[in-house]
Amino acid sequence: MMQAMPPPAAYHCVKPDAPEATGAKMVVTVSGEVATMAAFLTEAKKWSNFKLQADAQSNGIRFVRMTASGSTPYRDIGGLIYTAQVRQLTVTMNSEPPICGMEEN
């Protein structure tokens, strides 16, 4: 008889009031056309709280992953996301570790 295994620890969320949630990182992933992404990254330097963690390109699409501390002001997070959306780039946001009840995007 087979038993289902619990999901890996990476898929477990922490409660918003848990100590682990206090130290959570905000992760924003943005993708789009190479030239548009270059312009976005130039403008994104305004939000120095965000650090570029990964930058890759495939089939003419550039993907970047940026992280910031969980204490980053909402105006900075919103500003970065708005800048990407104005350029019609694809944006997702989540936290590490995942916080229960926080929706991606």
PDB file of N, CA and C in Angstrom:
ATOM      1  N   MET A   1       0.842  -1.168   0.000  1.00  0.00           N
ATOM      2  CA  MET A   1       0.000   0.000   0.000  1.00  0.00           C
ATOM      3  C   MET A   1       0.898   1.247   0.000  1.00  0.00           C
ATOM      4  N   MET A   2       0.579   2.203  -0.891  1.00  0.00           N
ATOM      5  CA  MET A   2       1.357   3.440  -0.978  1.00  0.00           C
ATOM      6  C   MET A   2       0.719   4.519  -0.115  1.00  0.00           C
ATOM      7  N   GLN A   3       1.563   5.282   0.532  1.00  0.00           N
ATOM      8  CA  GLN A   3       1.083   6.405   1.321  1.00  0.00           C
ATOM      9  C   GLN A   3       1.571   7.701   0.693  1.00  0.00           C
ATOM     10  N   ALA A   4       0.704   8.702   0.722  1.00  0.00           N
ATOM     11  CA  ALA A   4       1.102  10.008   0.188  1.00  0.00           C
ATOM     12  C   ALA A   4       2.109  10.647   1.134  1.00  0.00           C
ATOM     13  N   MET A   5       3.137  11.192   0.555  1.00  0.00           N
ATOM     14  CA  MET A   5       4.147  11.898   1.340  1.00  0.00           C
ATOM     15  C   MET A   5       3.720  13.351   1.491  1.00  0.00           C
ATOM     16  N   PRO A   6       4.053  13.976   2.591  1.00  0.00           N
ATOM     17  CA  PRO A   6       3.749  15.407   2.709  1.00  0.00           C
ATOM     18  C   PRO A   6       4.582  16.191   1.700  1.00  0.00           C
ATOM     19  N   PRO A   7       4.094  17.338   1.281  1.00  0.00           N
ATOM     20  CA  PRO A   7       4.876  18.111   0.314  1.00  0.00           C
ATOM     21  C   PRO A   7       6.215  18.522   0.914  1.00  0.00           C
ATOM     22  N   PRO A   8       7.211  18.789   0.056  1.00  0.00           N
ATOM     23  CA  PRO A   8       8.519  19.225   0.565  1.00  0.00           C
ATOM     24  C   PRO A   8       8.366  20.493   1.397  1.00  0.00           C
ATOM     25  N   ALA A   9       9.311  20.727   2.278  1.00  0.00           N
ATOM     26  CA  ALA A   9       9.245  21.878   3.180  1.00  0.00           C
ATOM     27  C   ALA A   9       9.082  23.185   2.417  1.00  0.00           C
ATOM     28  N   ALA A  10       9.621  23.274   1.222  1.00  0.00           N
ATOM     29  CA  ALA A  10       9.536  24.510   0.447  1.00  0.00           C
ATOM     30  C   ALA A  10       8.093  24.878   0.120  1.00  0.00           C
ATOM     31  N   TYR A  11       7.175  23.912   0.165  1.00  0.00           N
ATOM     32  CA  TYR A  11       5.786  24.177  -0.184  1.00  0.00           C
ATOM     33  C   TYR A  11       4.914  24.470   1.041  1.00  0.00           C
ATOM     34  N   HIS A  12       5.487  24.383   2.227  1.00  0.00           N
ATOM     35  CA  HIS A  12       4.732  24.670   3.444  1.00  0.00           C
ATOM     36  C   HIS A  12       4.749  26.171   3.681  1.00  0.00           C
ATOM     37  N   CYS A  13       3.600  26.716   4.012  1.00  0.00           N
ATOM     38  CA  CYS A  13       3.554  28.138   4.307  1.00  0.00           C
ATOM     39  C   CYS A  13       3.647  28.356   5.814  1.00  0.00           C
ATOM     40  N   VAL A  14       4.035  29.573   6.183  1.00  0.00           N
ATOM     41  CA  VAL A  14       4.092  29.940   7.592  1.00  0.00           C
ATOM     42  C   VAL A  14       2.962  30.921   7.880  1.00  0.00           C
ATOM     43  N   LYS A  15       2.455  30.883   9.088  1.00  0.00           N
ATOM     44  CA  LYS A  15       1.379  31.793   9.461  1.00  0.00           C
ATOM     45  C   LYS A  15       1.922  33.220   9.515  1.00  0.00           C
ATOM     46  N   PRO A  16       1.087  34.209   9.149  1.00  0.00           N
ATOM     47  CA  PRO A  16       1.558  35.598   9.127  1.00  0.00           C
ATOM     48  C   PRO A  16       2.129  36.089  10.451  1.00  0.00           C
ATOM     49  N   ASP A  17       1.650  35.541  11.574  1.00  0.00           N
ATOM     50  CA  ASP A  17       2.150  35.996  12.873  1.00  0.00           C
ATOM     51  C   ASP A  17       3.302  35.132  13.408  1.00  0.00           C
ATOM     52  N   ALA A  18       3.764  34.171  12.620  1.00  0.00           N
ATOM     53  CA  ALA A  18       4.877  33.314  13.039  1.00  0.00           C
ATOM     54  C   ALA A  18       6.197  34.087  12.956  1.00  0.00           C
ATOM     55  N   PRO A  19       7.158  33.749  13.808  1.00  0.00           N
ATOM     56  CA  PRO A  19       8.457  34.438  13.769  1.00  0.00           C
ATOM     57  C   PRO A  19       9.140  34.336  12.398  1.00  0.00           C
ATOM     58  N   GLU A  20       8.934  33.205  11.709  1.00  0.00           N
ATOM     59  CA  GLU A  20       9.559  33.023  10.393  1.00  0.00           C
ATOM     60  C   GLU A  20       9.044  34.035   9.380  1.00  0.00           C
ATOM     61  N   ALA A  21       7.782  34.467   9.528  1.00  0.00           N
ATOM     62  CA  ALA A  21       7.191  35.420   8.591  1.00  0.00           C
ATOM     63  C   ALA A  21       7.841  36.795   8.717  1.00  0.00           C
ATOM     64  N   THR A  22       8.336  37.104   9.898  1.00  0.00           N
ATOM     65  CA  THR A  22       8.970  38.403  10.123  1.00  0.00           C
ATOM     66  C   THR A  22      10.204  38.582   9.252  1.00  0.00           C
ATOM     67  N   GLY A  23      10.931  37.519   9.033  1.00  0.00           N
ATOM     68  CA  GLY A  23      12.152  37.589   8.237  1.00  0.00           C
ATOM     69  C   GLY A  23      11.968  37.205   6.781  1.00  0.00           C
ATOM     70  N   ALA A  24      10.726  37.121   6.323  1.00  0.00           N
ATOM     71  CA  ALA A  24      10.467  36.695   4.947  1.00  0.00           C
ATOM     72  C   ALA A  24      11.015  37.704   3.944  1.00  0.00           C
ATOM     73  N   LYS A  25      11.496  37.188   2.816  1.00  0.00           N
ATOM     74  CA  LYS A  25      11.947  38.039   1.716  1.00  0.00           C
ATOM     75  C   LYS A  25      10.805  38.198   0.724  1.00  0.00           C
ATOM     76  N   MET A  26      10.687  39.374   0.130  1.00  0.00           N
ATOM     77  CA  MET A  26       9.738  39.596  -0.959  1.00  0.00           C
ATOM     78  C   MET A  26      10.471  39.250  -2.252  1.00  0.00           C
ATOM     79  N   VAL A  27       9.821  38.500  -3.109  1.00  0.00           N
ATOM     80  CA  VAL A  27      10.425  38.089  -4.374  1.00  0.00           C
ATOM     81  C   VAL A  27       9.527  38.548  -5.510  1.00  0.00           C
ATOM     82  N   VAL A  28      10.096  39.333  -6.426  1.00  0.00           N
ATOM     83  CA  VAL A  28       9.358  39.807  -7.593  1.00  0.00           C
ATOM     84  C   VAL A  28      10.062  39.240  -8.823  1.00  0.00           C
ATOM     85  N   THR A  29       9.295  38.565  -9.675  1.00  0.00           N
ATOM     86  CA  THR A  29       9.820  38.023 -10.922  1.00  0.00           C
ATOM     87  C   THR A  29       9.159  38.776 -12.069  1.00  0.00           C
ATOM     88  N   VAL A  30       9.969  39.273 -12.982  1.00  0.00           N
ATOM     89  CA  VAL A  30       9.477  40.067 -14.106  1.00  0.00           C
ATOM     90  C   VAL A  30      10.035  39.459 -15.387  1.00  0.00           C
ATOM     91  N   SER A  31       9.200  39.399 -16.424  1.00  0.00           N
ATOM     92  CA  SER A  31       9.676  38.880 -17.711  1.00  0.00           C
ATOM     93  C   SER A  31       9.051  39.660 -18.854  1.00  0.00           C
ATOM     94  N   GLY A  32       9.764  39.667 -19.975  1.00  0.00           N
ATOM     95  CA  GLY A  32       9.257  40.341 -21.162  1.00  0.00           C
ATOM     96  C   GLY A  32      10.334  40.464 -22.226  1.00  0.00           C
ATOM     97  N   GLU A  33      10.016  41.211 -23.269  1.00  0.00           N
ATOM     98  CA  GLU A  33      10.931  41.426 -24.392  1.00  0.00           C
ATOM     99  C   GLU A  33      12.246  42.026 -23.887  1.00  0.00           C
ATOM    100  N   VAL A  34      13.344  41.626 -24.486  1.00  0.00           N
ATOM    101  CA  VAL A  34      14.677  41.998 -24.017  1.00  0.00           C
ATOM    102  C   VAL A  34      14.848  43.519 -23.917  1.00  0.00           C
ATOM    103  N   ALA A  35      14.486  44.271 -24.957  1.00  0.00           N
ATOM    104  CA  ALA A  35      14.672  45.729 -24.944  1.00  0.00           C
ATOM    105  C   ALA A  35      13.805  46.386 -23.876  1.00  0.00           C
ATOM    106  N   THR A  36      12.585  45.917 -23.712  1.00  0.00           N
ATOM    107  CA  THR A  36      11.685  46.477 -22.702  1.00  0.00           C
ATOM    108  C   THR A  36      12.213  46.186 -21.309  1.00  0.00           C
ATOM    109  N   MET A  37      12.749  44.992 -21.115  1.00  0.00           N
ATOM    110  CA  MET A  37      13.300  44.622 -19.818  1.00  0.00           C
ATOM    111  C   MET A  37      14.532  45.477 -19.484  1.00  0.00           C
ATOM    112  N   ALA A  38      15.346  45.792 -20.487  1.00  0.00           N
ATOM    113  CA  ALA A  38      16.521  46.633 -20.252  1.00  0.00           C
ATOM    114  C   ALA A  38      16.086  48.013 -19.761  1.00  0.00           C
ATOM    115  N   ALA A  39      15.053  48.573 -20.383  1.00  0.00           N
ATOM    116  CA  ALA A  39      14.534  49.874 -19.951  1.00  0.00           C
ATOM    117  C   ALA A  39      13.946  49.777 -18.547  1.00  0.00           C
ATOM    118  N   PHE A  40      13.227  48.699 -18.268  1.00  0.00           N
ATOM    119  CA  PHE A  40      12.650  48.500 -16.936  1.00  0.00           C
ATOM    120  C   PHE A  40      13.745  48.439 -15.879  1.00  0.00           C
ATOM    121  N   LEU A  41      14.810  47.676 -16.130  1.00  0.00           N
ATOM    122  CA  LEU A  41      15.875  47.530 -15.141  1.00  0.00           C
ATOM    123  C   LEU A  41      16.592  48.850 -14.886  1.00  0.00           C
ATOM    124  N   THR A  42      16.706  49.688 -15.908  1.00  0.00           N
ATOM    125  CA  THR A  42      17.306  51.010 -15.718  1.00  0.00           C
ATOM    126  C   THR A  42      16.441  51.836 -14.774  1.00  0.00           C
ATOM    127  N   GLU A  43      15.139  51.819 -14.990  1.00  0.00           N
ATOM    128  CA  GLU A  43      14.223  52.571 -14.146  1.00  0.00           C
ATOM    129  C   GLU A  43      14.094  51.944 -12.754  1.00  0.00           C
ATOM    130  N   ALA A  44      14.214  50.633 -12.663  1.00  0.00           N
ATOM    131  CA  ALA A  44      14.052  49.920 -11.387  1.00  0.00           C
ATOM    132  C   ALA A  44      15.147  50.271 -10.381  1.00  0.00           C
ATOM    133  N   LYS A  45      16.216  50.893 -10.823  1.00  0.00           N
ATOM    134  CA  LYS A  45      17.292  51.272  -9.903  1.00  0.00           C
ATOM    135  C   LYS A  45      16.813  52.272  -8.856  1.00  0.00           C
ATOM    136  N   LYS A  46      15.659  52.911  -9.095  1.00  0.00           N
ATOM    137  CA  LYS A  46      15.080  53.844  -8.118  1.00  0.00           C
ATOM    138  C   LYS A  46      14.779  53.134  -6.803  1.00  0.00           C
ATOM    139  N   TRP A  47      14.448  51.855  -6.897  1.00  0.00           N
ATOM    140  CA  TRP A  47      14.064  51.083  -5.716  1.00  0.00           C
ATOM    141  C   TRP A  47      15.256  50.267  -5.261  1.00  0.00           C
ATOM    142  N   SER A  48      16.136  50.923  -4.542  1.00  0.00           N
ATOM    143  CA  SER A  48      17.387  50.284  -4.142  1.00  0.00           C
ATOM    144  C   SER A  48      17.191  49.161  -3.132  1.00  0.00           C
ATOM    145  N   ASN A  49      15.984  49.042  -2.558  1.00  0.00           N
ATOM    146  CA  ASN A  49      15.716  47.930  -1.640  1.00  0.00           C
ATOM    147  C   ASN A  49      15.754  46.594  -2.368  1.00  0.00           C
ATOM    148  N   PHE A  50      15.479  46.613  -3.675  1.00  0.00           N
ATOM    149  CA  PHE A  50      15.434  45.381  -4.460  1.00  0.00           C
ATOM    150  C   PHE A  50      16.803  45.062  -5.036  1.00  0.00           C
ATOM    151  N   LYS A  51      17.205  43.826  -4.878  1.00  0.00           N
ATOM    152  CA  LYS A  51      18.487  43.345  -5.409  1.00  0.00           C
ATOM    153  C   LYS A  51      18.218  42.313  -6.490  1.00  0.00           C
ATOM    154  N   LEU A  52      18.944  42.415  -7.577  1.00  0.00           N
ATOM    155  CA  LEU A  52      18.811  41.471  -8.681  1.00  0.00           C
ATOM    156  C   LEU A  52      19.451  40.147  -8.262  1.00  0.00           C
ATOM    157  N   GLN A  53      18.649  39.076  -8.248  1.00  0.00           N
ATOM    158  CA  GLN A  53      19.139  37.767  -7.829  1.00  0.00           C
ATOM    159  C   GLN A  53      19.391  36.833  -9.013  1.00  0.00           C
ATOM    160  N   ALA A  54      18.628  37.027 -10.088  1.00  0.00           N
ATOM    161  CA  ALA A  54      18.794  36.153 -11.257  1.00  0.00           C
ATOM    162  C   ALA A  54      18.399  36.929 -12.501  1.00  0.00           C
ATOM    163  N   ASP A  55      19.072  36.648 -13.594  1.00  0.00           N
ATOM    164  CA  ASP A  55      18.806  37.315 -14.867  1.00  0.00           C
ATOM    165  C   ASP A  55      19.098  36.290 -15.960  1.00  0.00           C
ATOM    166  N   ALA A  56      18.066  35.916 -16.716  1.00  0.00           N
ATOM    167  CA  ALA A  56      18.240  34.897 -17.757  1.00  0.00           C
ATOM    168  C   ALA A  56      17.446  35.294 -18.994  1.00  0.00           C
ATOM    169  N   GLN A  57      17.829  34.726 -20.115  1.00  0.00           N
ATOM    170  CA  GLN A  57      17.149  35.017 -21.375  1.00  0.00           C
ATOM    171  C   GLN A  57      16.946  33.722 -22.148  1.00  0.00           C
ATOM    172  N   SER A  58      15.758  33.601 -22.755  1.00  0.00           N
ATOM    173  CA  SER A  58      15.446  32.431 -23.558  1.00  0.00           C
ATOM    174  C   SER A  58      14.431  32.815 -24.620  1.00  0.00           C
ATOM    175  N   ASN A  59      14.716  32.479 -25.867  1.00  0.00           N
ATOM    176  CA  ASN A  59      13.804  32.723 -26.990  1.00  0.00           C
ATOM    177  C   ASN A  59      13.324  34.169 -27.063  1.00  0.00           C
ATOM    178  N   GLY A  60      14.228  35.113 -26.842  1.00  0.00           N
ATOM    179  CA  GLY A  60      13.887  36.528 -26.948  1.00  0.00           C
ATOM    180  C   GLY A  60      13.141  37.097 -25.752  1.00  0.00           C
ATOM    181  N   ILE A  61      12.981  36.310 -24.700  1.00  0.00           N
ATOM    182  CA  ILE A  61      12.317  36.768 -23.471  1.00  0.00           C
ATOM    183  C   ILE A  61      13.360  36.793 -22.358  1.00  0.00           C
ATOM    184  N   ARG A  62      13.380  37.911 -21.633  1.00  0.00           N
ATOM    185  CA  ARG A  62      14.313  38.048 -20.513  1.00  0.00           C
ATOM    186  C   ARG A  62      13.539  37.908 -19.210  1.00  0.00           C
ATOM    187  N   PHE A  63      14.112  37.192 -18.273  1.00  0.00           N
ATOM    188  CA  PHE A  63      13.503  36.940 -16.972  1.00  0.00           C
ATOM    189  C   PHE A  63      14.442  37.468 -15.891  1.00  0.00           C
ATOM    190  N   VAL A  64      13.900  38.225 -14.938  1.00  0.00           N
ATOM    191  CA  VAL A  64      14.708  38.658 -13.803  1.00  0.00           C
ATOM    192  C   VAL A  64      13.971  38.338 -12.515  1.00  0.00           C
ATOM    193  N   ARG A  65      14.751  38.037 -11.503  1.00  0.00           N
ATOM    194  CA  ARG A  65      14.210  37.765 -10.168  1.00  0.00           C
ATOM    195  C   ARG A  65      14.862  38.762  -9.229  1.00  0.00           C
ATOM    196  N   MET A  66      14.022  39.537  -8.541  1.00  0.00           N
ATOM    197  CA  MET A  66      14.518  40.562  -7.627  1.00  0.00           C
ATOM    198  C   MET A  66      13.981  40.267  -6.233  1.00  0.00           C
ATOM    199  N   THR A  67      14.815  40.490  -5.221  1.00  0.00           N
ATOM    200  CA  THR A  67      14.387  40.239  -3.844  1.00  0.00           C
ATOM    201  C   THR A  67      14.586  41.489  -2.995  1.00  0.00           C
ATOM    202  N   ALA A  68      13.770  41.568  -1.955  1.00  0.00           N
ATOM    203  CA  ALA A  68      13.884  42.644  -0.970  1.00  0.00           C
ATOM    204  C   ALA A  68      13.457  42.088   0.378  1.00  0.00           C
ATOM    205  N   SER A  69      13.805  42.779   1.424  1.00  0.00           N
ATOM    206  CA  SER A  69      13.414  42.310   2.758  1.00  0.00           C
ATOM    207  C   SER A  69      11.911  42.477   2.942  1.00  0.00           C
ATOM    208  N   GLY A  70      11.372  41.731   3.879  1.00  0.00           N
ATOM    209  CA  GLY A  70       9.943  41.818   4.171  1.00  0.00           C
ATOM    210  C   GLY A  70       9.535  43.161   4.737  1.00  0.00           C
ATOM    211  N   SER A  71      10.500  43.956   5.176  1.00  0.00           N
ATOM    212  CA  SER A  71      10.182  45.278   5.725  1.00  0.00           C
ATOM    213  C   SER A  71      10.228  46.378   4.674  1.00  0.00           C
ATOM    214  N   THR A  72      10.382  46.005   3.403  1.00  0.00           N
ATOM    215  CA  THR A  72      10.383  46.992   2.324  1.00  0.00           C
ATOM    216  C   THR A  72       9.034  47.706   2.301  1.00  0.00           C
ATOM    217  N   PRO A  73       9.039  49.035   2.236  1.00  0.00           N
ATOM    218  CA  PRO A  73       7.772  49.771   2.219  1.00  0.00           C
ATOM    219  C   PRO A  73       6.887  49.384   1.026  1.00  0.00           C
ATOM    220  N   TYR A  74       5.578  49.345   1.280  1.00  0.00           N
ATOM    221  CA  TYR A  74       4.638  48.995   0.214  1.00  0.00           C
ATOM    222  C   TYR A  74       4.764  49.919  -0.983  1.00  0.00           C
ATOM    223  N   ARG A  75       5.066  51.203  -0.758  1.00  0.00           N
ATOM    224  CA  ARG A  75       5.180  52.144  -1.875  1.00  0.00           C
ATOM    225  C   ARG A  75       6.323  51.737  -2.816  1.00  0.00           C
ATOM    226  N   ASP A  76       7.402  51.137  -2.262  1.00  0.00           N
ATOM    227  CA  ASP A  76       8.505  50.676  -3.103  1.00  0.00           C
ATOM    228  C   ASP A  76       8.106  49.426  -3.888  1.00  0.00           C
ATOM    229  N   ILE A  77       7.439  48.496  -3.210  1.00  0.00           N
ATOM    230  CA  ILE A  77       6.976  47.278  -3.890  1.00  0.00           C
ATOM    231  C   ILE A  77       5.985  47.658  -4.986  1.00  0.00           C
ATOM    232  N   GLY A  78       5.019  48.505  -4.635  1.00  0.00           N
ATOM    233  CA  GLY A  78       4.020  48.950  -5.603  1.00  0.00           C
ATOM    234  C   GLY A  78       4.640  49.713  -6.758  1.00  0.00           C
ATOM    235  N   GLY A  79       5.623  50.549  -6.459  1.00  0.00           N
ATOM    236  CA  GLY A  79       6.284  51.323  -7.510  1.00  0.00           C
ATOM    237  C   GLY A  79       7.003  50.437  -8.506  1.00  0.00           C
ATOM    238  N   LEU A  80       7.696  49.425  -7.999  1.00  0.00           N
ATOM    239  CA  LEU A  80       8.404  48.493  -8.875  1.00  0.00           C
ATOM    240  C   LEU A  80       7.414  47.719  -9.745  1.00  0.00           C
ATOM    241  N   ILE A  81       6.355  47.215  -9.135  1.00  0.00           N
ATOM    242  CA  ILE A  81       5.352  46.452  -9.883  1.00  0.00           C
ATOM    243  C   ILE A  81       4.653  47.345 -10.909  1.00  0.00           C
ATOM    244  N   TYR A  82       4.298  48.563 -10.519  1.00  0.00           N
ATOM    245  CA  TYR A  82       3.632  49.493 -11.438  1.00  0.00           C
ATOM    246  C   TYR A  82       4.521  49.795 -12.644  1.00  0.00           C
ATOM    247  N   THR A  83       5.811  50.012 -12.398  1.00  0.00           N
ATOM    248  CA  THR A  83       6.742  50.297 -13.486  1.00  0.00           C
ATOM    249  C   THR A  83       6.775  49.142 -14.487  1.00  0.00           C
ATOM    250  N   ALA A  84       6.739  47.918 -13.985  1.00  0.00           N
ATOM    251  CA  ALA A  84       6.730  46.750 -14.878  1.00  0.00           C
ATOM    252  C   ALA A  84       5.409  46.640 -15.624  1.00  0.00           C
ATOM    253  N   GLN A  85       4.299  46.878 -14.932  1.00  0.00           N
ATOM    254  CA  GLN A  85       2.987  46.744 -15.571  1.00  0.00           C
ATOM    255  C   GLN A  85       2.772  47.803 -16.649  1.00  0.00           C
ATOM    256  N   VAL A  86       3.257  49.016 -16.418  1.00  0.00           N
ATOM    257  CA  VAL A  86       3.128  50.082 -17.414  1.00  0.00           C
ATOM    258  C   VAL A  86       3.826  49.665 -18.709  1.00  0.00           C
ATOM    259  N   ARG A  87       4.903  48.932 -18.578  1.00  0.00           N
ATOM    260  CA  ARG A  87       5.645  48.460 -19.754  1.00  0.00           C
ATOM    261  C   ARG A  87       5.082  47.144 -20.292  1.00  0.00           C
ATOM    262  N   GLN A  88       3.968  46.709 -19.737  1.00  0.00           N
ATOM    263  CA  GLN A  88       3.271  45.484 -20.137  1.00  0.00           C
ATOM    264  C   GLN A  88       4.151  44.242 -19.984  1.00  0.00           C
ATOM    265  N   LEU A  89       4.914  44.230 -18.905  1.00  0.00           N
ATOM    266  CA  LEU A  89       5.730  43.071 -18.569  1.00  0.00           C
ATOM    267  C   LEU A  89       4.939  42.143 -17.664  1.00  0.00           C
ATOM    268  N   THR A  90       5.314  40.890 -17.633  1.00  0.00           N
ATOM    269  CA  THR A  90       4.662  39.916 -16.764  1.00  0.00           C
ATOM    270  C   THR A  90       5.322  39.989 -15.393  1.00  0.00           C
ATOM    271  N   VAL A  91       4.501  40.106 -14.345  1.00  0.00           N
ATOM    272  CA  VAL A  91       5.015  40.270 -12.986  1.00  0.00           C
ATOM    273  C   VAL A  91       4.354  39.263 -12.054  1.00  0.00           C
ATOM    274  N   THR A  92       5.150  38.617 -11.207  1.00  0.00           N
ATOM    275  CA  THR A  92       4.614  37.808 -10.113  1.00  0.00           C
ATOM    276  C   THR A  92       5.351  38.222  -8.848  1.00  0.00           C
ATOM    277  N   MET A  93       4.670  38.080  -7.729  1.00  0.00           N
ATOM    278  CA  MET A  93       5.286  38.408  -6.448  1.00  0.00           C
ATOM    279  C   MET A  93       4.894  37.343  -5.434  1.00  0.00           C
ATOM    280  N   ASN A  94       5.843  36.952  -4.613  1.00  0.00           N
ATOM    281  CA  ASN A  94       5.563  36.046  -3.506  1.00  0.00           C
ATOM    282  C   ASN A  94       6.583  36.292  -2.410  1.00  0.00           C
ATOM    283  N   SER A  95       6.573  35.459  -1.425  1.00  0.00           N
ATOM    284  CA  SER A  95       7.534  35.616  -0.334  1.00  0.00           C
ATOM    285  C   SER A  95       8.258  34.302  -0.108  1.00  0.00           C
ATOM    286  N   GLU A  96       9.418  34.397   0.510  1.00  0.00           N
ATOM    287  CA  GLU A  96      10.200  33.216   0.895  1.00  0.00           C
ATOM    288  C   GLU A  96      10.513  33.342   2.372  1.00  0.00           C
ATOM    289  N   PRO A  97      10.018  32.514   3.243  1.00  0.00           N
ATOM    290  CA  PRO A  97       9.116  31.406   2.978  1.00  0.00           C
ATOM    291  C   PRO A  97       7.726  31.923   2.616  1.00  0.00           C
ATOM    292  N   PRO A  98       6.923  31.070   1.942  1.00  0.00           N
ATOM    293  CA  PRO A  98       5.560  31.486   1.614  1.00  0.00           C
ATOM    294  C   PRO A  98       4.765  31.773   2.890  1.00  0.00           C
ATOM    295  N   ILE A  99       3.981  32.828   2.868  1.00  0.00           N
ATOM    296  CA  ILE A  99       3.146  33.192   4.014  1.00  0.00           C
ATOM    297  C   ILE A  99       1.722  32.751   3.696  1.00  0.00           C
ATOM    298  N   CYS A 100       1.132  31.983   4.593  1.00  0.00           N
ATOM    299  CA  CYS A 100      -0.230  31.467   4.390  1.00  0.00           C
ATOM    300  C   CYS A 100      -1.198  32.624   4.157  1.00  0.00           C
ATOM    301  N   GLY A 101      -2.025  32.491   3.142  1.00  0.00           N
ATOM    302  CA  GLY A 101      -3.027  33.498   2.852  1.00  0.00           C
ATOM    303  C   GLY A 101      -2.545  34.596   1.930  1.00  0.00           C
ATOM    304  N   MET A 102      -1.245  34.661   1.657  1.00  0.00           N
ATOM    305  CA  MET A 102      -0.730  35.682   0.737  1.00  0.00           C
ATOM    306  C   MET A 102      -0.813  35.118  -0.660  1.00  0.00           C
ATOM    307  N   GLU A 103      -1.577  35.772  -1.514  1.00  0.00           N
ATOM    308  CA  GLU A 103      -1.746  35.281  -2.882  1.00  0.00           C
ATOM    309  C   GLU A 103      -0.557  35.682  -3.730  1.00  0.00           C
ATOM    310  N   GLU A 104      -0.178  34.805  -4.667  1.00  0.00           N
ATOM    311  CA  GLU A 104       0.836  35.174  -5.652  1.00  0.00           C
ATOM    312  C   GLU A 104       0.188  36.091  -6.657  1.00  0.00           C
ATOM    313  N   ASN A 105       1.009  36.929  -7.280  1.00  0.00           N
ATOM    314  CA  ASN A 105       0.585  37.942  -8.261  1.00  0.00           C
ATOM    315  C   ASN A 105       0.095  39.098  -7.499  1.00  0.00           C
TER     316      ASN A 105
END
